[in-house]
Amino acid sequence: MSKIGVIGSGQVGETLANGFAKHGHEVMRGSRDPSKLAEWKRGAGEKAKTGSFEETARFGEIVVLAVKGTAAEEAVGLCGGALDGKVVIDTTNPISDKPPTNAVISYFTGPNDSLLERLQKRAPKARFVKAFSSVGSALMVNPKLPSKPSMFICGNGNDWAHAFKVLR
């Protein structure tokens, strides 16, 4: 099985880290403050580790970026060069911190701009793949549905295929 680094201490990061661990992968979760993950580590089993963003990026054969969209660029920056050459599964969305207007959320990117492009500029040697950003965390790992669901993914070349081959 693979070593998976999950950058993020929120619900999406926890859901995916638990799912990877359940499927036999060794998992490290990263946070700006790794002590925030102590409770998760206690319950996650022997193969679970915690560390900084950079330590987690170095650990993972594949890295999952599971932070709030407004924190994504900074998180990638805090990984330093540890993402170089690695497939990074980006779960983020560019949702603004502003409250919705008339029940419509706003984005902090413009019509000719994407968060994934920004992340690629921050870590030009990383191999970004967009996935898990179109569903809620309850549907990310072994969802109980009447039929097999579709998952939208996007990446350059065979990066997405490599990511999902390793994660099977």
C-alpha atoms as a PDB file:
ATOM      1  CA  MET A   1       0.000   0.000   0.000  1.00  0.00           C
ATOM      2  CA  SER A   2       0.966   3.637  -0.375  1.00  0.00           C
ATOM      3  CA  LYS A   3       1.992   6.461   1.901  1.00  0.00           C
ATOM      4  CA  ILE A   4      -0.606   9.215   1.645  1.00  0.00           C
ATOM      5  CA  GLY A   5      -0.031  12.715   2.968  1.00  0.00           C
ATOM      6  CA  VAL A   6      -3.204  14.669   3.738  1.00  0.00           C
ATOM      7  CA  ILE A   7      -2.690  18.396   4.223  1.00  0.00           C
ATOM      8  CA  GLY A   8      -5.530  19.803   6.282  1.00  0.00           C
ATOM      9  CA  SER A   9      -7.098  19.402   9.699  1.00  0.00           C
ATOM     10  CA  GLY A  10     -10.748  19.876   8.710  1.00  0.00           C
ATOM     11  CA  GLN A  11     -13.599  17.517   7.892  1.00  0.00           C
ATOM     12  CA  VAL A  12     -12.549  16.736   4.309  1.00  0.00           C
ATOM     13  CA  GLY A  13      -8.995  15.935   5.399  1.00  0.00           C
ATOM     14  CA  GLU A  14     -10.257  13.726   8.213  1.00  0.00           C
ATOM     15  CA  THR A  15     -12.743  11.903   5.989  1.00  0.00           C
ATOM     16  CA  LEU A  16     -10.168  11.170   3.296  1.00  0.00           C
ATOM     17  CA  ALA A  17      -7.398  10.271   5.780  1.00  0.00           C
ATOM     18  CA  ASN A  18      -9.734   7.838   7.550  1.00  0.00           C
ATOM     19  CA  GLY A  19     -10.787   6.364   4.216  1.00  0.00           C
ATOM     20  CA  PHE A  20      -7.198   5.864   3.065  1.00  0.00           C
ATOM     21  CA  ALA A  21      -6.285   4.272   6.416  1.00  0.00           C
ATOM     22  CA  LYS A  22      -9.352   2.004   6.258  1.00  0.00           C
ATOM     23  CA  HIS A  23      -8.168   0.800   2.858  1.00  0.00           C
ATOM     24  CA  GLY A  24      -4.711  -0.075   4.213  1.00  0.00           C
ATOM     25  CA  HIS A  25      -2.660   2.994   3.329  1.00  0.00           C
ATOM     26  CA  GLU A  26      -0.201   4.582   5.706  1.00  0.00           C
ATOM     27  CA  VAL A  27      -1.466   8.119   6.360  1.00  0.00           C
ATOM     28  CA  MET A  28       0.067  11.331   7.672  1.00  0.00           C
ATOM     29  CA  ARG A  29      -2.075  14.398   8.259  1.00  0.00           C
ATOM     30  CA  GLY A  30      -0.495  17.810   8.227  1.00  0.00           C
ATOM     31  CA  SER A  31      -1.522  21.029   9.911  1.00  0.00           C
ATOM     32  CA  ARG A  32      -0.013  24.411  10.699  1.00  0.00           C
ATOM     33  CA  ASP A  33      -0.452  23.224  14.294  1.00  0.00           C
ATOM     34  CA  PRO A  34       0.000  19.413  14.326  1.00  0.00           C
ATOM     35  CA  SER A  35      -1.107  19.259  17.983  1.00  0.00           C
ATOM     36  CA  LYS A  36      -4.661  19.949  16.691  1.00  0.00           C
ATOM     37  CA  LEU A  37      -4.574  16.441  15.209  1.00  0.00           C
ATOM     38  CA  ALA A  38      -3.630  14.578  18.420  1.00  0.00           C
ATOM     39  CA  GLU A  39      -7.127  13.205  18.993  1.00  0.00           C
ATOM     40  CA  TRP A  40      -7.388  12.018  15.396  1.00  0.00           C
ATOM     41  CA  LYS A  41      -3.991  10.311  15.652  1.00  0.00           C
ATOM     42  CA  ARG A  42      -5.001   8.449  18.830  1.00  0.00           C
ATOM     43  CA  GLY A  43      -8.060   7.009  17.125  1.00  0.00           C
ATOM     44  CA  ALA A  44      -6.617   6.411  13.668  1.00  0.00           C
ATOM     45  CA  GLY A  45      -4.374   3.440  14.409  1.00  0.00           C
ATOM     46  CA  GLU A  46      -0.711   2.505  14.236  1.00  0.00           C
ATOM     47  CA  LYS A  47      -0.170   3.609  10.641  1.00  0.00           C
ATOM     48  CA  ALA A  48      -1.337   7.175  11.385  1.00  0.00           C
ATOM     49  CA  LYS A  49       1.097  10.063  11.760  1.00  0.00           C
ATOM     50  CA  THR A  50       0.845  13.826  12.067  1.00  0.00           C
ATOM     51  CA  GLY A  51       3.206  16.632  11.163  1.00  0.00           C
ATOM     52  CA  SER A  52       3.627  20.021   9.580  1.00  0.00           C
ATOM     53  CA  PHE A  53       2.546  20.712   6.011  1.00  0.00           C
ATOM     54  CA  GLU A  54       6.111  20.248   4.780  1.00  0.00           C
ATOM     55  CA  GLU A  55       6.670  17.021   6.749  1.00  0.00           C
ATOM     56  CA  THR A  56       3.401  15.631   5.422  1.00  0.00           C
ATOM     57  CA  ALA A  57       4.279  16.566   1.845  1.00  0.00           C
ATOM     58  CA  ARG A  58       7.661  14.843   2.185  1.00  0.00           C
ATOM     59  CA  PHE A  59       6.021  11.729   3.669  1.00  0.00           C
ATOM     60  CA  GLY A  60       3.370  11.176   1.025  1.00  0.00           C
ATOM     61  CA  GLU A  61       3.933   9.289  -2.189  1.00  0.00           C
ATOM     62  CA  ILE A  62       0.711  11.072  -3.086  1.00  0.00           C
ATOM     63  CA  VAL A  63      -0.407  14.238  -1.307  1.00  0.00           C
ATOM     64  CA  VAL A  64      -3.989  15.387  -0.810  1.00  0.00           C
ATOM     65  CA  LEU A  65      -4.620  19.103  -0.388  1.00  0.00           C
ATOM     66  CA  ALA A  66      -7.712  19.348   1.827  1.00  0.00           C
ATOM     67  CA  VAL A  67      -7.748  22.880   3.209  1.00  0.00           C
ATOM     68  CA  LYS A  68     -10.142  25.784   2.899  1.00  0.00           C
ATOM     69  CA  GLY A  69      -9.803  27.305  -0.569  1.00  0.00           C
ATOM     70  CA  THR A  70      -8.695  30.669   0.811  1.00  0.00           C
ATOM     71  CA  ALA A  71      -5.822  28.895   2.616  1.00  0.00           C
ATOM     72  CA  ALA A  72      -4.723  26.681  -0.284  1.00  0.00           C
ATOM     73  CA  GLU A  73      -2.020  28.889  -1.786  1.00  0.00           C
ATOM     74  CA  GLU A  74      -0.425  29.510   1.594  1.00  0.00           C
ATOM     75  CA  ALA A  75      -0.581  25.799   2.468  1.00  0.00           C
ATOM     76  CA  VAL A  76       1.164  24.864  -0.772  1.00  0.00           C
ATOM     77  CA  GLY A  77       3.795  27.522  -0.045  1.00  0.00           C
ATOM     78  CA  LEU A  78       4.388  26.047   3.424  1.00  0.00           C
ATOM     79  CA  CYS A  79       5.219  22.692   1.814  1.00  0.00           C
ATOM     80  CA  GLY A  80       8.340  24.228   0.319  1.00  0.00           C
ATOM     81  CA  GLY A  81       9.802  22.027  -2.412  1.00  0.00           C
ATOM     82  CA  ALA A  82       8.415  18.854  -0.816  1.00  0.00           C
ATOM     83  CA  LEU A  83       5.656  18.644  -3.461  1.00  0.00           C
ATOM     84  CA  ASP A  84       8.140  18.559  -6.361  1.00  0.00           C
ATOM     85  CA  GLY A  85       7.434  15.619  -8.664  1.00  0.00           C
ATOM     86  CA  LYS A  86       4.505  14.374  -6.591  1.00  0.00           C
ATOM     87  CA  VAL A  87       0.895  13.948  -7.591  1.00  0.00           C
ATOM     88  CA  VAL A  88      -1.153  16.352  -5.471  1.00  0.00           C
ATOM     89  CA  ILE A  89      -4.894  15.700  -5.330  1.00  0.00           C
ATOM     90  CA  ASP A  90      -6.540  19.094  -4.900  1.00  0.00           C
ATOM     91  CA  THR A  91      -9.928  18.957  -3.147  1.00  0.00           C
ATOM     92  CA  THR A  92     -10.274  22.723  -2.713  1.00  0.00           C
ATOM     93  CA  ASN A  93     -12.800  25.184  -4.106  1.00  0.00           C
ATOM     94  CA  PRO A  94     -12.228  28.941  -4.513  1.00  0.00           C
ATOM     95  CA  ILE A  95     -15.140  29.920  -2.278  1.00  0.00           C
ATOM     96  CA  SER A  96     -14.814  33.404  -0.825  1.00  0.00           C
ATOM     97  CA  ASP A  97     -14.921  34.087   2.907  1.00  0.00           C
ATOM     98  CA  LYS A  98     -17.718  36.584   2.242  1.00  0.00           C
ATOM     99  CA  PRO A  99     -21.192  35.382   3.213  1.00  0.00           C
ATOM    100  CA  PRO A 100     -23.562  34.393   0.403  1.00  0.00           C
ATOM    101  CA  THR A 101     -25.606  37.133  -1.257  1.00  0.00           C
ATOM    102  CA  ASN A 102     -29.217  36.090  -1.868  1.00  0.00           C
ATOM    103  CA  ALA A 103     -28.144  32.490  -1.131  1.00  0.00           C
ATOM    104  CA  VAL A 104     -25.417  32.621  -3.820  1.00  0.00           C
ATOM    105  CA  ILE A 105     -21.838  31.921  -2.775  1.00  0.00           C
ATOM    106  CA  SER A 106     -19.044  34.010  -4.228  1.00  0.00           C
ATOM    107  CA  TYR A 107     -15.618  33.004  -5.440  1.00  0.00           C
ATOM    108  CA  PHE A 108     -12.301  34.761  -4.953  1.00  0.00           C
ATOM    109  CA  THR A 109     -11.116  33.845  -8.453  1.00  0.00           C
ATOM    110  CA  GLY A 110     -12.186  35.671 -11.591  1.00  0.00           C
ATOM    111  CA  PRO A 111     -13.618  34.454 -14.895  1.00  0.00           C
ATOM    112  CA  ASN A 112     -10.166  33.889 -16.423  1.00  0.00           C
ATOM    113  CA  ASP A 113      -8.494  32.563 -13.297  1.00  0.00           C
ATOM    114  CA  SER A 114      -8.603  29.264 -11.422  1.00  0.00           C
ATOM    115  CA  LEU A 115      -7.349  28.237  -8.021  1.00  0.00           C
ATOM    116  CA  LEU A 116      -5.686  25.158  -9.481  1.00  0.00           C
ATOM    117  CA  GLU A 117      -3.677  27.359 -11.861  1.00  0.00           C
ATOM    118  CA  ARG A 118      -2.603  29.495  -8.915  1.00  0.00           C
ATOM    119  CA  LEU A 119      -1.511  26.401  -7.003  1.00  0.00           C
ATOM    120  CA  GLN A 120       0.445  25.138  -9.994  1.00  0.00           C
ATOM    121  CA  LYS A 121       2.303  28.471 -10.116  1.00  0.00           C
ATOM    122  CA  ARG A 122       3.142  28.131  -6.395  1.00  0.00           C
ATOM    123  CA  ALA A 123       4.489  24.591  -6.907  1.00  0.00           C
ATOM    124  CA  PRO A 124       5.424  24.334 -10.604  1.00  0.00           C
ATOM    125  CA  LYS A 125       7.082  20.914 -10.231  1.00  0.00           C
ATOM    126  CA  ALA A 126       4.058  19.312  -8.520  1.00  0.00           C
ATOM    127  CA  ARG A 127       1.595  17.265 -10.585  1.00  0.00           C
ATOM    128  CA  PHE A 128      -1.847  18.585  -9.591  1.00  0.00           C
ATOM    129  CA  VAL A 129      -5.019  16.571 -10.055  1.00  0.00           C
ATOM    130  CA  LYS A 130      -8.430  18.045  -9.206  1.00  0.00           C
ATOM    131  CA  ALA A 131     -10.781  15.602  -7.464  1.00  0.00           C
ATOM    132  CA  PHE A 132     -13.312  15.339  -4.623  1.00  0.00           C
ATOM    133  CA  SER A 133     -14.235  19.027  -4.956  1.00  0.00           C
ATOM    134  CA  SER A 134     -17.653  18.391  -6.468  1.00  0.00           C
ATOM    135  CA  VAL A 135     -19.123  16.276  -3.655  1.00  0.00           C
ATOM    136  CA  GLY A 136     -19.553  16.621   0.083  1.00  0.00           C
ATOM    137  CA  SER A 137     -17.315  14.659   2.437  1.00  0.00           C
ATOM    138  CA  ALA A 138     -20.098  12.135   3.174  1.00  0.00           C
ATOM    139  CA  LEU A 139     -19.813  10.931  -0.439  1.00  0.00           C
ATOM    140  CA  MET A 140     -16.025  10.780  -0.689  1.00  0.00           C
ATOM    141  CA  VAL A 141     -15.318   7.315   0.710  1.00  0.00           C
ATOM    142  CA  ASN A 142     -17.457   4.241  -0.075  1.00  0.00           C
ATOM    143  CA  PRO A 143     -20.771   6.102  -0.380  1.00  0.00           C
ATOM    144  CA  LYS A 144     -23.935   4.072   0.085  1.00  0.00           C
ATOM    145  CA  LEU A 145     -25.812   4.864  -3.131  1.00  0.00           C
ATOM    146  CA  PRO A 146     -28.180   2.854  -5.327  1.00  0.00           C
ATOM    147  CA  SER A 147     -25.681   2.901  -8.205  1.00  0.00           C
ATOM    148  CA  LYS A 148     -21.993   3.570  -8.749  1.00  0.00           C
ATOM    149  CA  PRO A 149     -21.433   7.359  -8.687  1.00  0.00           C
ATOM    150  CA  SER A 150     -19.316   9.449 -11.028  1.00  0.00           C
ATOM    151  CA  MET A 151     -16.385  11.466  -9.713  1.00  0.00           C
ATOM    152  CA  PHE A 152     -15.168  14.414 -11.745  1.00  0.00           C
ATOM    153  CA  ILE A 153     -11.381  14.506 -12.015  1.00  0.00           C
ATOM    154  CA  CYS A 154      -8.992  16.665 -14.002  1.00  0.00           C
ATOM    155  CA  GLY A 155      -5.228  16.626 -14.456  1.00  0.00           C
ATOM    156  CA  ASN A 156      -2.395  16.731 -16.946  1.00  0.00           C
ATOM    157  CA  GLY A 157      -1.269  13.632 -18.789  1.00  0.00           C
ATOM    158  CA  ASN A 158      -1.556  10.465 -16.765  1.00  0.00           C
ATOM    159  CA  ASP A 159      -1.277  12.124 -13.355  1.00  0.00           C
ATOM    160  CA  TRP A 160      -4.899  11.388 -12.478  1.00  0.00           C
ATOM    161  CA  ALA A 161      -4.559   7.764 -13.600  1.00  0.00           C
ATOM    162  CA  HIS A 162      -1.415   7.374 -11.498  1.00  0.00           C
ATOM    163  CA  ALA A 163      -3.155   8.818  -8.442  1.00  0.00           C
ATOM    164  CA  PHE A 164      -6.118   6.499  -8.652  1.00  0.00           C
ATOM    165  CA  LYS A 165      -3.993   3.453  -9.501  1.00  0.00           C
ATOM    166  CA  VAL A 166      -1.992   3.967  -6.310  1.00  0.00           C
ATOM    167  CA  LEU A 167      -5.113   4.615  -4.241  1.00  0.00           C
ATOM    168  CA  ARG A 168      -7.046   1.526  -5.284  1.00  0.00           C
END
